[in-house]
């Protein structure tokens, strides 16, 4: 699961750093973690970043993976992200 998360975040063409106010990144993370966003809606929203069957399958698996997790796991991912954003390595940004 962690590897899929990292790979998906790397695949996004980011023009900003995590935790620095990049709305696109934060929205995509929130949509990935949210059980309120279904897979088809998720794929439609991020279709500009999904090219080909392999990327579509990876995005679908990423969304399914988090959709099957309990609330505690999703909360822990949010805590992890905030820890990363607040780290000394990211604080400069």
PDB file of N, CA and C in Angstrom:
ATOM      1  N   UNK A   1       0.822  -1.182   0.000  1.00  0.00           N
ATOM      2  CA  UNK A   1       0.000   0.000   0.000  1.00  0.00           C
ATOM      3  C   UNK A   1       0.867   1.247   0.000  1.00  0.00           C
ATOM      4  N   UNK A   2       1.893   1.284   0.846  1.00  0.00           N
ATOM      5  CA  UNK A   2       2.754   2.459   0.914  1.00  0.00           C
ATOM      6  C   UNK A   2       3.487   2.663  -0.404  1.00  0.00           C
ATOM      7  N   UNK A   3       3.921   1.583  -1.009  1.00  0.00           N
ATOM      8  CA  UNK A   3       4.618   1.686  -2.276  1.00  0.00           C
ATOM      9  C   UNK A   3       3.704   2.250  -3.361  1.00  0.00           C
ATOM     10  N   UNK A   4       2.456   1.797  -3.398  1.00  0.00           N
ATOM     11  CA  UNK A   4       1.504   2.337  -4.363  1.00  0.00           C
ATOM     12  C   UNK A   4       1.298   3.830  -4.153  1.00  0.00           C
ATOM     13  N   UNK A   5       1.211   4.247  -2.903  1.00  0.00           N
ATOM     14  CA  UNK A   5       1.024   5.660  -2.595  1.00  0.00           C
ATOM     15  C   UNK A   5       2.201   6.469  -3.111  1.00  0.00           C
ATOM     16  N   UNK A   6       3.389   6.013  -2.811  1.00  0.00           N
ATOM     17  CA  UNK A   6       4.587   6.722  -3.250  1.00  0.00           C
ATOM     18  C   UNK A   6       4.654   6.783  -4.773  1.00  0.00           C
ATOM     19  N   UNK A   7       4.387   5.669  -5.431  1.00  0.00           N
ATOM     20  CA  UNK A   7       4.446   5.647  -6.890  1.00  0.00           C
ATOM     21  C   UNK A   7       3.411   6.580  -7.507  1.00  0.00           C
ATOM     22  N   UNK A   8       2.219   6.622  -6.940  1.00  0.00           N
ATOM     23  CA  UNK A   8       1.185   7.494  -7.484  1.00  0.00           C
ATOM     24  C   UNK A   8       1.555   8.957  -7.299  1.00  0.00           C
ATOM     25  N   UNK A   9       2.104   9.289  -6.145  1.00  0.00           N
ATOM     26  CA  UNK A   9       2.491  10.678  -5.902  1.00  0.00           C
ATOM     27  C   UNK A   9       3.648  11.098  -6.807  1.00  0.00           C
ATOM     28  N   UNK A  10       4.549  10.175  -7.081  1.00  0.00           N
ATOM     29  CA  UNK A  10       5.657  10.476  -7.983  1.00  0.00           C
ATOM     30  C   UNK A  10       5.145  10.676  -9.405  1.00  0.00           C
ATOM     31  N   UNK A  11       4.116   9.941  -9.770  1.00  0.00           N
ATOM     32  CA  UNK A  11       3.592  10.010 -11.130  1.00  0.00           C
ATOM     33  C   UNK A  11       2.905  11.340 -11.431  1.00  0.00           C
ATOM     34  N   UNK A  12       2.431  12.023 -10.419  1.00  0.00           N
ATOM     35  CA  UNK A  12       1.785  13.305 -10.652  1.00  0.00           C
ATOM     36  C   UNK A  12       2.830  14.335 -11.072  1.00  0.00           C
ATOM     37  N   UNK A  13       2.594  15.053 -12.133  1.00  0.00           N
ATOM     38  CA  UNK A  13       3.552  16.084 -12.526  1.00  0.00           C
ATOM     39  C   UNK A  13       3.397  17.296 -11.605  1.00  0.00           C
ATOM     40  N   UNK A  14       4.175  17.312 -10.567  1.00  0.00           N
ATOM     41  CA  UNK A  14       4.028  18.343  -9.547  1.00  0.00           C
ATOM     42  C   UNK A  14       4.838  19.582  -9.882  1.00  0.00           C
ATOM     43  N   UNK A  15       4.230  20.711  -9.709  1.00  0.00           N
ATOM     44  CA  UNK A  15       4.954  21.960  -9.887  1.00  0.00           C
ATOM     45  C   UNK A  15       5.156  22.642  -8.543  1.00  0.00           C
ATOM     46  N   UNK A  16       4.904  21.924  -7.484  1.00  0.00           N
ATOM     47  CA  UNK A  16       5.066  22.486  -6.156  1.00  0.00           C
ATOM     48  C   UNK A  16       5.431  21.363  -5.195  1.00  0.00           C
ATOM     49  N   UNK A  17       5.758  21.715  -3.973  1.00  0.00           N
ATOM     50  CA  UNK A  17       6.171  20.745  -2.982  1.00  0.00           C
ATOM     51  C   UNK A  17       5.018  20.412  -2.041  1.00  0.00           C
ATOM     52  N   UNK A  18       5.020  19.199  -1.534  1.00  0.00           N
ATOM     53  CA  UNK A  18       3.999  18.756  -0.587  1.00  0.00           C
ATOM     54  C   UNK A  18       4.048  19.628   0.653  1.00  0.00           C
ATOM     55  N   UNK A  19       2.895  20.029   1.131  1.00  0.00           N
ATOM     56  CA  UNK A  19       2.825  20.813   2.354  1.00  0.00           C
ATOM     57  C   UNK A  19       3.083  22.292   2.143  1.00  0.00           C
ATOM     58  N   UNK A  20       3.301  22.712   0.912  1.00  0.00           N
ATOM     59  CA  UNK A  20       3.597  24.119   0.661  1.00  0.00           C
ATOM     60  C   UNK A  20       2.383  24.859   0.104  1.00  0.00           C
ATOM     61  N   UNK A  21       1.243  24.218   0.171  1.00  0.00           N
ATOM     62  CA  UNK A  21       0.034  24.849  -0.323  1.00  0.00           C
ATOM     63  C   UNK A  21      -0.343  24.413  -1.727  1.00  0.00           C
ATOM     64  N   UNK A  22       0.157  23.303  -2.175  1.00  0.00           N
ATOM     65  CA  UNK A  22      -0.173  22.791  -3.504  1.00  0.00           C
ATOM     66  C   UNK A  22      -1.567  22.162  -3.438  1.00  0.00           C
ATOM     67  N   UNK A  23      -2.550  22.886  -3.923  1.00  0.00           N
ATOM     68  CA  UNK A  23      -3.929  22.411  -3.842  1.00  0.00           C
ATOM     69  C   UNK A  23      -4.155  21.123  -4.610  1.00  0.00           C
ATOM     70  N   UNK A  24      -3.543  21.001  -5.778  1.00  0.00           N
ATOM     71  CA  UNK A  24      -3.731  19.795  -6.589  1.00  0.00           C
ATOM     72  C   UNK A  24      -3.264  18.551  -5.847  1.00  0.00           C
ATOM     73  N   UNK A  25      -2.086  18.624  -5.258  1.00  0.00           N
ATOM     74  CA  UNK A  25      -1.562  17.479  -4.519  1.00  0.00           C
ATOM     75  C   UNK A  25      -2.441  17.145  -3.324  1.00  0.00           C
ATOM     76  N   UNK A  26      -2.796  18.149  -2.550  1.00  0.00           N
ATOM     77  CA  UNK A  26      -3.597  17.903  -1.355  1.00  0.00           C
ATOM     78  C   UNK A  26      -4.994  17.385  -1.698  1.00  0.00           C
ATOM     79  N   UNK A  27      -5.592  17.908  -2.768  1.00  0.00           N
ATOM     80  CA  UNK A  27      -6.905  17.413  -3.196  1.00  0.00           C
ATOM     81  C   UNK A  27      -6.812  15.967  -3.675  1.00  0.00           C
ATOM     82  N   UNK A  28      -5.751  15.636  -4.413  1.00  0.00           N
ATOM     83  CA  UNK A  28      -5.627  14.269  -4.905  1.00  0.00           C
ATOM     84  C   UNK A  28      -5.412  13.284  -3.756  1.00  0.00           C
ATOM     85  N   UNK A  29      -4.646  13.683  -2.761  1.00  0.00           N
ATOM     86  CA  UNK A  29      -4.464  12.821  -1.588  1.00  0.00           C
ATOM     87  C   UNK A  29      -5.784  12.651  -0.859  1.00  0.00           C
ATOM     88  N   UNK A  30      -6.487  13.753  -0.638  1.00  0.00           N
ATOM     89  CA  UNK A  30      -7.775  13.671   0.063  1.00  0.00           C
ATOM     90  C   UNK A  30      -8.782  12.834  -0.713  1.00  0.00           C
ATOM     91  N   UNK A  31      -8.822  12.986  -2.038  1.00  0.00           N
ATOM     92  CA  UNK A  31      -9.732  12.177  -2.852  1.00  0.00           C
ATOM     93  C   UNK A  31      -9.353  10.696  -2.811  1.00  0.00           C
ATOM     94  N   UNK A  32      -8.064  10.417  -2.793  1.00  0.00           N
ATOM     95  CA  UNK A  32      -7.602   9.031  -2.724  1.00  0.00           C
ATOM     96  C   UNK A  32      -8.018   8.397  -1.404  1.00  0.00           C
ATOM     97  N   UNK A  33      -7.926   9.146  -0.327  1.00  0.00           N
ATOM     98  CA  UNK A  33      -8.241   8.611   0.998  1.00  0.00           C
ATOM     99  C   UNK A  33      -9.732   8.602   1.306  1.00  0.00           C
ATOM    100  N   UNK A  34     -10.496   9.448   0.636  1.00  0.00           N
ATOM    101  CA  UNK A  34     -11.915   9.619   0.954  1.00  0.00           C
ATOM    102  C   UNK A  34     -12.769   8.456   0.463  1.00  0.00           C
ATOM    103  N   UNK A  35     -13.601   7.947   1.343  1.00  0.00           N
ATOM    104  CA  UNK A  35     -14.544   6.903   0.942  1.00  0.00           C
ATOM    105  C   UNK A  35     -15.761   7.512   0.234  1.00  0.00           C
ATOM    106  N   UNK A  36     -15.895   8.844   0.255  1.00  0.00           N
ATOM    107  CA  UNK A  36     -17.004   9.519  -0.406  1.00  0.00           C
ATOM    108  C   UNK A  36     -16.793   9.656  -1.919  1.00  0.00           C
ATOM    109  N   UNK A  37     -15.555   9.488  -2.374  1.00  0.00           N
ATOM    110  CA  UNK A  37     -15.237   9.589  -3.805  1.00  0.00           C
ATOM    111  C   UNK A  37     -15.152   8.184  -4.374  1.00  0.00           C
ATOM    112  N   UNK A  38     -16.033   7.879  -5.328  1.00  0.00           N
ATOM    113  CA  UNK A  38     -15.990   6.535  -5.926  1.00  0.00           C
ATOM    114  C   UNK A  38     -14.899   6.465  -6.992  1.00  0.00           C
ATOM    115  N   UNK A  39     -14.593   5.253  -7.430  1.00  0.00           N
ATOM    116  CA  UNK A  39     -13.480   5.035  -8.352  1.00  0.00           C
ATOM    117  C   UNK A  39     -13.706   5.746  -9.681  1.00  0.00           C
ATOM    118  N   UNK A  40     -14.901   5.659 -10.245  1.00  0.00           N
ATOM    119  CA  UNK A  40     -15.163   6.293 -11.540  1.00  0.00           C
ATOM    120  C   UNK A  40     -15.012   7.809 -11.467  1.00  0.00           C
ATOM    121  N   UNK A  41     -15.503   8.396 -10.403  1.00  0.00           N
ATOM    122  CA  UNK A  41     -15.351   9.837 -10.216  1.00  0.00           C
ATOM    123  C   UNK A  41     -13.885  10.216 -10.042  1.00  0.00           C
ATOM    124  N   UNK A  42     -13.163   9.390  -9.302  1.00  0.00           N
ATOM    125  CA  UNK A  42     -11.734   9.605  -9.068  1.00  0.00           C
ATOM    126  C   UNK A  42     -10.971   9.575 -10.397  1.00  0.00           C
ATOM    127  N   UNK A  43     -11.262   8.582 -11.227  1.00  0.00           N
ATOM    128  CA  UNK A  43     -10.591   8.464 -12.521  1.00  0.00           C
ATOM    129  C   UNK A  43     -10.943   9.620 -13.450  1.00  0.00           C
ATOM    130  N   UNK A  44     -12.192  10.072 -13.417  1.00  0.00           N
ATOM    131  CA  UNK A  44     -12.593  11.222 -14.229  1.00  0.00           C
ATOM    132  C   UNK A  44     -11.862  12.485 -13.789  1.00  0.00           C
ATOM    133  N   UNK A  45     -11.781  12.675 -12.484  1.00  0.00           N
ATOM    134  CA  UNK A  45     -11.155  13.883 -11.949  1.00  0.00           C
ATOM    135  C   UNK A  45      -9.681  13.977 -12.333  1.00  0.00           C
ATOM    136  N   UNK A  46      -8.989  12.854 -12.332  1.00  0.00           N
ATOM    137  CA  UNK A  46      -7.545  12.858 -12.572  1.00  0.00           C
ATOM    138  C   UNK A  46      -7.160  12.277 -13.931  1.00  0.00           C
ATOM    139  N   UNK A  47      -8.102  12.301 -14.882  1.00  0.00           N
ATOM    140  CA  UNK A  47      -7.847  11.718 -16.204  1.00  0.00           C
ATOM    141  C   UNK A  47      -6.686  12.402 -16.935  1.00  0.00           C
ATOM    142  N   UNK A  48      -6.428  13.658 -16.654  1.00  0.00           N
ATOM    143  CA  UNK A  48      -5.322  14.342 -17.339  1.00  0.00           C
ATOM    144  C   UNK A  48      -3.959  13.775 -16.939  1.00  0.00           C
ATOM    145  N   UNK A  49      -3.895  13.046 -15.828  1.00  0.00           N
ATOM    146  CA  UNK A  49      -2.644  12.443 -15.359  1.00  0.00           C
ATOM    147  C   UNK A  49      -2.569  10.946 -15.661  1.00  0.00           C
ATOM    148  N   UNK A  50      -3.650  10.401 -16.191  1.00  0.00           N
ATOM    149  CA  UNK A  50      -3.720   8.958 -16.429  1.00  0.00           C
ATOM    150  C   UNK A  50      -3.672   8.715 -17.935  1.00  0.00           C
ATOM    151  N   UNK A  51      -2.559   8.121 -18.389  1.00  0.00           N
ATOM    152  CA  UNK A  51      -2.365   7.860 -19.812  1.00  0.00           C
ATOM    153  C   UNK A  51      -2.141   6.362 -20.004  1.00  0.00           C
ATOM    154  N   UNK A  52      -3.087   5.738 -20.608  1.00  0.00           N
ATOM    155  CA  UNK A  52      -2.933   4.315 -20.905  1.00  0.00           C
ATOM    156  C   UNK A  52      -3.548   3.407 -19.857  1.00  0.00           C
ATOM    157  N   UNK A  53      -3.593   2.142 -20.225  1.00  0.00           N
ATOM    158  CA  UNK A  53      -4.244   1.129 -19.396  1.00  0.00           C
ATOM    159  C   UNK A  53      -3.490   0.862 -18.101  1.00  0.00           C
ATOM    160  N   UNK A  54      -2.171   0.842 -18.162  1.00  0.00           N
ATOM    161  CA  UNK A  54      -1.381   0.531 -16.967  1.00  0.00           C
ATOM    162  C   UNK A  54      -1.576   1.596 -15.891  1.00  0.00           C
ATOM    163  N   UNK A  55      -1.571   2.866 -16.280  1.00  0.00           N
ATOM    164  CA  UNK A  55      -1.779   3.935 -15.304  1.00  0.00           C
ATOM    165  C   UNK A  55      -3.208   3.938 -14.775  1.00  0.00           C
ATOM    166  N   UNK A  56      -4.149   3.636 -15.641  1.00  0.00           N
ATOM    167  CA  UNK A  56      -5.551   3.559 -15.197  1.00  0.00           C
ATOM    168  C   UNK A  56      -5.715   2.428 -14.179  1.00  0.00           C
ATOM    169  N   UNK A  57      -5.095   1.301 -14.463  1.00  0.00           N
ATOM    170  CA  UNK A  57      -5.152   0.159 -13.537  1.00  0.00           C
ATOM    171  C   UNK A  57      -4.476   0.517 -12.201  1.00  0.00           C
ATOM    172  N   UNK A  58      -3.336   1.204 -12.266  1.00  0.00           N
ATOM    173  CA  UNK A  58      -2.630   1.601 -11.037  1.00  0.00           C
ATOM    174  C   UNK A  58      -3.474   2.580 -10.217  1.00  0.00           C
ATOM    175  N   UNK A  59      -4.088   3.544 -10.878  1.00  0.00           N
ATOM    176  CA  UNK A  59      -4.933   4.514 -10.175  1.00  0.00           C
ATOM    177  C   UNK A  59      -6.151   3.823  -9.554  1.00  0.00           C
ATOM    178  N   UNK A  60      -6.723   2.878 -10.289  1.00  0.00           N
ATOM    179  CA  UNK A  60      -7.868   2.127  -9.772  1.00  0.00           C
ATOM    180  C   UNK A  60      -7.463   1.310  -8.545  1.00  0.00           C
ATOM    181  N   UNK A  61      -6.319   0.641  -8.628  1.00  0.00           N
ATOM    182  CA  UNK A  61      -5.848  -0.155  -7.499  1.00  0.00           C
ATOM    183  C   UNK A  61      -5.523   0.717  -6.289  1.00  0.00           C
ATOM    184  N   UNK A  62      -4.943   1.873  -6.529  1.00  0.00           N
ATOM    185  CA  UNK A  62      -4.638   2.791  -5.429  1.00  0.00           C
ATOM    186  C   UNK A  62      -5.920   3.210  -4.713  1.00  0.00           C
ATOM    187  N   UNK A  63      -6.921   3.615  -5.493  1.00  0.00           N
ATOM    188  CA  UNK A  63      -8.195   4.043  -4.907  1.00  0.00           C
ATOM    189  C   UNK A  63      -8.879   2.882  -4.189  1.00  0.00           C
ATOM    190  N   UNK A  64      -8.869   1.698  -4.793  1.00  0.00           N
ATOM    191  CA  UNK A  64      -9.472   0.523  -4.151  1.00  0.00           C
ATOM    192  C   UNK A  64      -8.755   0.184  -2.853  1.00  0.00           C
ATOM    193  N   UNK A  65      -7.451   0.279  -2.872  1.00  0.00           N
ATOM    194  CA  UNK A  65      -6.647  -0.052  -1.698  1.00  0.00           C
ATOM    195  C   UNK A  65      -7.065   0.798  -0.503  1.00  0.00           C
ATOM    196  N   UNK A  66      -7.173   2.091  -0.714  1.00  0.00           N
ATOM    197  CA  UNK A  66      -7.570   2.958   0.392  1.00  0.00           C
ATOM    198  C   UNK A  66      -9.050   2.835   0.708  1.00  0.00           C
ATOM    199  N   UNK A  67      -9.861   2.488  -0.291  1.00  0.00           N
ATOM    200  CA  UNK A  67     -11.285   2.295  -0.043  1.00  0.00           C
ATOM    201  C   UNK A  67     -11.573   1.110   0.853  1.00  0.00           C
ATOM    202  N   UNK A  68     -10.667   0.146   0.860  1.00  0.00           N
ATOM    203  CA  UNK A  68     -10.841  -1.056   1.681  1.00  0.00           C
ATOM    204  C   UNK A  68     -10.256  -0.916   3.090  1.00  0.00           C
ATOM    205  N   UNK A  69      -9.605   0.195   3.364  1.00  0.00           N
ATOM    206  CA  UNK A  69      -8.983   0.386   4.681  1.00  0.00           C
ATOM    207  C   UNK A  69     -10.003   0.919   5.681  1.00  0.00           C
ATOM    208  N   UNK A  70      -9.739   0.642   6.949  1.00  0.00           N
ATOM    209  CA  UNK A  70     -10.620   1.193   7.973  1.00  0.00           C
ATOM    210  C   UNK A  70     -10.232   2.638   8.260  1.00  0.00           C
ATOM    211  N   UNK A  71     -11.052   3.335   9.000  1.00  0.00           N
ATOM    212  CA  UNK A  71     -10.822   4.747   9.300  1.00  0.00           C
ATOM    213  C   UNK A  71      -9.516   5.007  10.024  1.00  0.00           C
ATOM    214  N   UNK A  72      -9.115   4.080  10.867  1.00  0.00           N
ATOM    215  CA  UNK A  72      -7.881   4.266  11.627  1.00  0.00           C
ATOM    216  C   UNK A  72      -6.664   4.287  10.702  1.00  0.00           C
ATOM    217  N   UNK A  73      -6.637   3.428   9.719  1.00  0.00           N
ATOM    218  CA  UNK A  73      -5.527   3.407   8.765  1.00  0.00           C
ATOM    219  C   UNK A  73      -5.470   4.700   7.977  1.00  0.00           C
ATOM    220  N   UNK A  74      -6.607   5.164   7.498  1.00  0.00           N
ATOM    221  CA  UNK A  74      -6.661   6.419   6.749  1.00  0.00           C
ATOM    222  C   UNK A  74      -6.214   7.582   7.643  1.00  0.00           C
ATOM    223  N   UNK A  75      -6.649   7.586   8.890  1.00  0.00           N
ATOM    224  CA  UNK A  75      -6.210   8.624   9.833  1.00  0.00           C
ATOM    225  C   UNK A  75      -4.701   8.580  10.028  1.00  0.00           C
ATOM    226  N   UNK A  76      -4.145   7.381  10.097  1.00  0.00           N
ATOM    227  CA  UNK A  76      -2.697   7.240  10.267  1.00  0.00           C
ATOM    228  C   UNK A  76      -1.938   7.765   9.044  1.00  0.00           C
ATOM    229  N   UNK A  77      -2.491   7.582   7.862  1.00  0.00           N
ATOM    230  CA  UNK A  77      -1.859   8.125   6.660  1.00  0.00           C
ATOM    231  C   UNK A  77      -1.849   9.652   6.730  1.00  0.00           C
ATOM    232  N   UNK A  78      -2.954  10.229   7.170  1.00  0.00           N
ATOM    233  CA  UNK A  78      -3.023  11.688   7.311  1.00  0.00           C
ATOM    234  C   UNK A  78      -1.983  12.180   8.322  1.00  0.00           C
ATOM    235  N   UNK A  79      -1.840  11.464   9.426  1.00  0.00           N
ATOM    236  CA  UNK A  79      -0.836  11.826  10.436  1.00  0.00           C
ATOM    237  C   UNK A  79       0.563  11.739   9.830  1.00  0.00           C
ATOM    238  N   UNK A  80       0.819  10.678   9.068  1.00  0.00           N
ATOM    239  CA  UNK A  80       2.120  10.513   8.422  1.00  0.00           C
ATOM    240  C   UNK A  80       2.412  11.676   7.484  1.00  0.00           C
ATOM    241  N   UNK A  81       1.427  12.064   6.685  1.00  0.00           N
ATOM    242  CA  UNK A  81       1.627  13.165   5.754  1.00  0.00           C
ATOM    243  C   UNK A  81       1.917  14.471   6.483  1.00  0.00           C
ATOM    244  N   UNK A  82       1.174  14.735   7.545  1.00  0.00           N
ATOM    245  CA  UNK A  82       1.417  15.957   8.314  1.00  0.00           C
ATOM    246  C   UNK A  82       2.791  15.940   8.970  1.00  0.00           C
ATOM    247  N   UNK A  83       3.238  14.758   9.385  1.00  0.00           N
ATOM    248  CA  UNK A  83       4.579  14.622   9.954  1.00  0.00           C
ATOM    249  C   UNK A  83       5.636  14.930   8.894  1.00  0.00           C
ATOM    250  N   UNK A  84       5.424  14.434   7.695  1.00  0.00           N
ATOM    251  CA  UNK A  84       6.357  14.725   6.602  1.00  0.00           C
ATOM    252  C   UNK A  84       6.360  16.210   6.286  1.00  0.00           C
ATOM    253  N   UNK A  85       5.172  16.797   6.153  1.00  0.00           N
ATOM    254  CA  UNK A  85       5.080  18.220   5.817  1.00  0.00           C
ATOM    255  C   UNK A  85       5.732  19.093   6.884  1.00  0.00           C
ATOM    256  N   UNK A  86       5.631  18.669   8.128  1.00  0.00           N
ATOM    257  CA  UNK A  86       6.174  19.452   9.241  1.00  0.00           C
ATOM    258  C   UNK A  86       7.623  19.121   9.571  1.00  0.00           C
ATOM    259  N   UNK A  87       8.242  18.223   8.813  1.00  0.00           N
ATOM    260  CA  UNK A  87       9.620  17.818   9.112  1.00  0.00           C
ATOM    261  C   UNK A  87      10.602  18.938   8.787  1.00  0.00           C
ATOM    262  N   UNK A  88      11.792  18.827   9.330  1.00  0.00           N
ATOM    263  CA  UNK A  88      12.821  19.842   9.071  1.00  0.00           C
ATOM    264  C   UNK A  88      13.178  19.904   7.584  1.00  0.00           C
ATOM    265  N   UNK A  89      13.045  18.795   6.861  1.00  0.00           N
ATOM    266  CA  UNK A  89      13.374  18.792   5.442  1.00  0.00           C
ATOM    267  C   UNK A  89      12.337  19.531   4.606  1.00  0.00           C
ATOM    268  N   UNK A  90      11.108  19.563   5.054  1.00  0.00           N
ATOM    269  CA  UNK A  90      10.061  20.259   4.295  1.00  0.00           C
ATOM    270  C   UNK A  90       9.776  21.660   4.837  1.00  0.00           C
ATOM    271  N   UNK A  91      10.197  21.942   6.042  1.00  0.00           N
ATOM    272  CA  UNK A  91       9.855  23.227   6.662  1.00  0.00           C
ATOM    273  C   UNK A  91      10.405  24.421   5.889  1.00  0.00           C
ATOM    274  N   UNK A  92      11.477  24.207   5.130  1.00  0.00           N
ATOM    275  CA  UNK A  92      12.049  25.296   4.342  1.00  0.00           C
ATOM    276  C   UNK A  92      11.137  25.714   3.196  1.00  0.00           C
ATOM    277  N   UNK A  93      10.225  24.815   2.797  1.00  0.00           N
ATOM    278  CA  UNK A  93       9.351  25.108   1.673  1.00  0.00           C
ATOM    279  C   UNK A  93       8.026  25.618   2.159  1.00  0.00           C
TER     280      UNK A  93
END
